[in-house]
Amino acid sequence: MSRIDISVKEPPKKKKCWQQSLKDFLFMFVQWTWGFCVNIVGWIAFTICTKIMGYRWQHFGYAKIVYVPWKGGGLSMGLFIFIKDNHKSKEWTYNCRIHEYGHTWQCLLLGPLYYIVIALPSVIWCNCFAGYRKKNNVPYSKLYCEGWANAWGQKFSGLKQTENHN
């Protein structure tokens, strides 16, 4: 089994050709039409965090990741991902980027339904069931939307999460 390089900061670049340019255009078009209500909130938060508060950010595939000094983990709002800055584990940060990118793709599919189908269950699972998960040794990815985010994040980023990505 090959070793996963957690120092990788973003997915590999795709070769630019007319087909890739068309895919890029369609991805952004759908995100900013069908997924508008999710992305506009993400864009406003991104702008505040980067332009006013000065938090660092990076590209990650089609998304932008902002590193914020909070106690939480990750939050995805369409094309805009917010994750804990300077987490003590580089492996956690690596896995979180991929996971949250999976939520970006869920937004592409679900558009305005993202809040009900993904965001609300995810927030409840994260904040209300931490004790249950710990007590019963239930992985975070056990909830349908979280396991789905892991799978799609890996598929669409081309990166594999480490074994400890629950």
Protein backbone atom coordinates (compact mmCIF):
# COMPACT_ATOMS: atom_id res chain seq x y z
CA MET A 1 0.00 0.00 0.00
CA SER A 2 1.34 3.42 -0.92
CA ARG A 3 1.85 6.08 1.71
CA ILE A 4 -0.33 9.19 1.58
CA ASP A 5 1.55 12.48 1.44
CA ILE A 6 -0.36 14.76 3.83
CA SER A 7 1.84 17.71 2.91
CA VAL A 8 -0.15 18.09 -0.34
CA LYS A 9 -2.01 21.40 -0.10
CA GLU A 10 -4.37 21.10 -3.07
CA PRO A 11 -5.57 18.70 -5.77
CA PRO A 12 -3.41 18.16 -8.84
CA LYS A 13 -4.00 20.71 -11.61
CA LYS A 14 -6.00 19.51 -14.61
CA LYS A 15 -4.67 19.99 -18.13
CA LYS A 16 -6.27 23.00 -19.76
CA CYS A 17 -8.10 22.17 -22.97
CA TRP A 18 -11.45 23.27 -24.36
CA GLN A 19 -13.26 20.35 -22.68
CA GLN A 20 -11.79 21.22 -19.28
CA SER A 21 -12.60 24.90 -19.81
CA LEU A 22 -16.20 23.93 -20.59
CA LYS A 23 -16.38 21.76 -17.44
CA ASP A 24 -14.93 24.62 -15.37
CA PHE A 25 -17.49 27.06 -16.81
CA LEU A 26 -20.42 24.68 -16.23
CA PHE A 27 -19.30 23.96 -12.66
CA MET A 28 -19.17 27.68 -11.81
CA PHE A 29 -22.38 28.44 -13.70
CA VAL A 30 -24.35 25.79 -11.78
CA GLN A 31 -22.78 26.80 -8.43
CA TRP A 32 -23.70 30.48 -8.98
CA THR A 33 -27.24 29.77 -10.27
CA TRP A 34 -28.64 26.58 -8.72
CA GLY A 35 -26.38 26.92 -5.65
CA PHE A 36 -26.63 30.72 -5.43
CA CYS A 37 -28.23 30.88 -1.96
CA VAL A 38 -25.43 28.78 -0.43
CA ASN A 39 -22.61 30.45 -2.35
CA ILE A 40 -23.68 34.04 -1.68
CA VAL A 41 -23.55 33.42 2.08
CA GLY A 42 -20.16 31.75 1.64
CA TRP A 43 -18.86 34.61 -0.50
CA ILE A 44 -19.96 37.21 2.07
CA ALA A 45 -18.27 35.24 4.88
CA PHE A 46 -15.16 34.75 2.68
CA THR A 47 -14.97 38.47 1.96
CA ILE A 48 -15.32 39.42 5.62
CA CYS A 49 -12.78 36.83 6.75
CA THR A 50 -10.15 37.61 4.13
CA LYS A 51 -10.55 41.30 3.30
CA ILE A 52 -11.60 42.69 6.69
CA MET A 53 -10.17 40.22 9.20
CA GLY A 54 -7.14 39.26 7.12
CA TYR A 55 -7.35 35.48 7.53
CA ARG A 56 -5.21 33.45 5.17
CA TRP A 57 -6.78 31.40 2.42
CA GLN A 58 -5.88 29.08 -0.44
CA HIS A 59 -7.38 27.59 -3.58
CA PHE A 60 -8.43 23.95 -3.35
CA GLY A 61 -9.77 22.64 -6.65
CA TYR A 62 -12.75 24.84 -7.47
CA ALA A 63 -13.11 26.01 -3.85
CA LYS A 64 -11.39 28.55 -1.65
CA ILE A 65 -10.39 27.51 1.87
CA VAL A 66 -10.19 30.11 4.63
CA TYR A 67 -8.27 29.25 7.81
CA VAL A 68 -10.09 30.73 10.80
CA PRO A 69 -9.07 30.86 14.49
CA TRP A 70 -12.06 29.06 15.95
CA LYS A 71 -12.59 26.01 18.13
CA GLY A 72 -14.68 24.19 15.54
CA GLY A 73 -13.59 22.01 12.67
CA GLY A 74 -14.77 22.69 9.15
CA LEU A 75 -17.69 24.39 7.46
CA SER A 76 -18.50 24.39 3.78
CA MET A 77 -20.70 26.96 2.06
CA GLY A 78 -20.58 25.99 -1.58
CA LEU A 79 -17.35 27.22 -3.10
CA PHE A 80 -16.15 28.59 0.24
CA ILE A 81 -14.70 26.36 2.94
CA PHE A 82 -13.76 27.48 6.44
CA ILE A 83 -11.54 25.31 8.62
CA LYS A 84 -9.69 25.65 11.90
CA ASP A 85 -6.35 27.37 11.50
CA ASN A 86 -3.24 25.80 13.02
CA HIS A 87 -4.90 22.56 14.07
CA LYS A 88 -2.43 20.52 16.12
CA SER A 89 -2.68 17.70 13.58
CA LYS A 90 -1.54 18.23 9.99
CA GLU A 91 -3.27 14.94 9.16
CA TRP A 92 -6.59 16.34 10.45
CA THR A 93 -6.15 19.47 8.30
CA TYR A 94 -5.33 17.37 5.23
CA ASN A 95 -8.39 15.14 5.73
CA CYS A 96 -10.66 18.08 6.56
CA ARG A 97 -9.81 19.87 3.30
CA ILE A 98 -10.82 16.80 1.31
CA HIS A 99 -13.98 16.21 3.37
CA GLU A 100 -15.19 19.80 3.10
CA TYR A 101 -14.47 19.78 -0.63
CA GLY A 102 -16.92 16.88 -0.85
CA HIS A 103 -19.57 19.19 0.61
CA THR A 104 -18.75 21.67 -2.19
CA TRP A 105 -19.79 19.04 -4.71
CA GLN A 106 -22.91 18.18 -2.71
CA CYS A 107 -23.89 21.85 -3.05
CA LEU A 108 -23.44 21.58 -6.82
CA LEU A 109 -25.91 18.70 -6.90
CA LEU A 110 -28.42 19.93 -4.33
CA GLY A 111 -28.33 23.71 -4.74
CA PRO A 112 -30.87 25.34 -2.37
CA LEU A 113 -31.71 21.94 -0.88
CA TYR A 114 -28.15 21.76 0.50
CA TYR A 115 -29.16 23.53 3.72
CA ILE A 116 -31.88 20.97 4.52
CA VAL A 117 -30.29 17.79 3.15
CA ILE A 118 -26.66 18.39 4.18
CA ALA A 119 -26.02 21.44 6.37
CA LEU A 120 -28.71 20.99 9.02
CA PRO A 121 -28.10 17.27 9.62
CA SER A 122 -24.34 17.90 9.61
CA VAL A 123 -24.54 20.70 12.19
CA ILE A 124 -26.78 18.59 14.44
CA TRP A 125 -24.53 15.52 14.08
CA CYS A 126 -21.41 17.56 14.80
CA ASN A 127 -22.71 19.58 17.75
CA CYS A 128 -25.33 17.40 19.43
CA PHE A 129 -24.00 13.88 19.02
CA ALA A 130 -20.29 14.20 19.87
CA GLY A 131 -20.80 12.45 23.23
CA TYR A 132 -22.85 9.69 21.63
CA ARG A 133 -20.23 9.13 18.94
CA LYS A 134 -17.42 8.98 21.49
CA LYS A 135 -19.29 6.73 23.94
CA ASN A 136 -20.36 4.27 21.22
CA ASN A 137 -17.21 4.55 19.08
CA VAL A 138 -19.23 5.76 16.09
CA PRO A 139 -17.19 7.42 13.33
CA TYR A 140 -18.16 10.92 12.22
CA SER A 141 -18.55 9.56 8.69
CA LYS A 142 -21.36 7.25 9.82
CA LEU A 143 -23.96 9.94 9.07
CA TYR A 144 -24.98 9.69 5.39
CA CYS A 145 -23.97 13.24 4.44
CA GLU A 146 -20.54 12.98 6.10
CA GLY A 147 -19.59 9.65 4.54
CA TRP A 148 -20.85 10.98 1.21
CA ALA A 149 -18.69 14.12 1.64
CA ASN A 150 -15.61 11.95 2.30
CA ALA A 151 -16.31 9.84 -0.81
CA TRP A 152 -16.96 12.79 -3.11
CA GLY A 153 -14.09 14.83 -1.67
CA GLN A 154 -11.70 12.02 -2.52
CA LYS A 155 -13.25 11.40 -5.93
CA PHE A 156 -13.30 15.01 -7.10
CA SER A 157 -10.04 16.16 -5.52
CA GLY A 158 -8.11 13.10 -6.67
CA LEU A 159 -6.61 12.89 -3.15
CA LYS A 160 -7.06 10.03 -0.70
CA GLN A 161 -7.79 10.58 2.97
CA THR A 162 -5.67 8.84 5.57
CA GLU A 163 -6.94 5.93 7.64
CA ASN A 164 -7.81 8.24 10.54
CA HIS A 165 -10.29 10.45 8.69
CA ASN A 166 -13.44 9.67 10.67
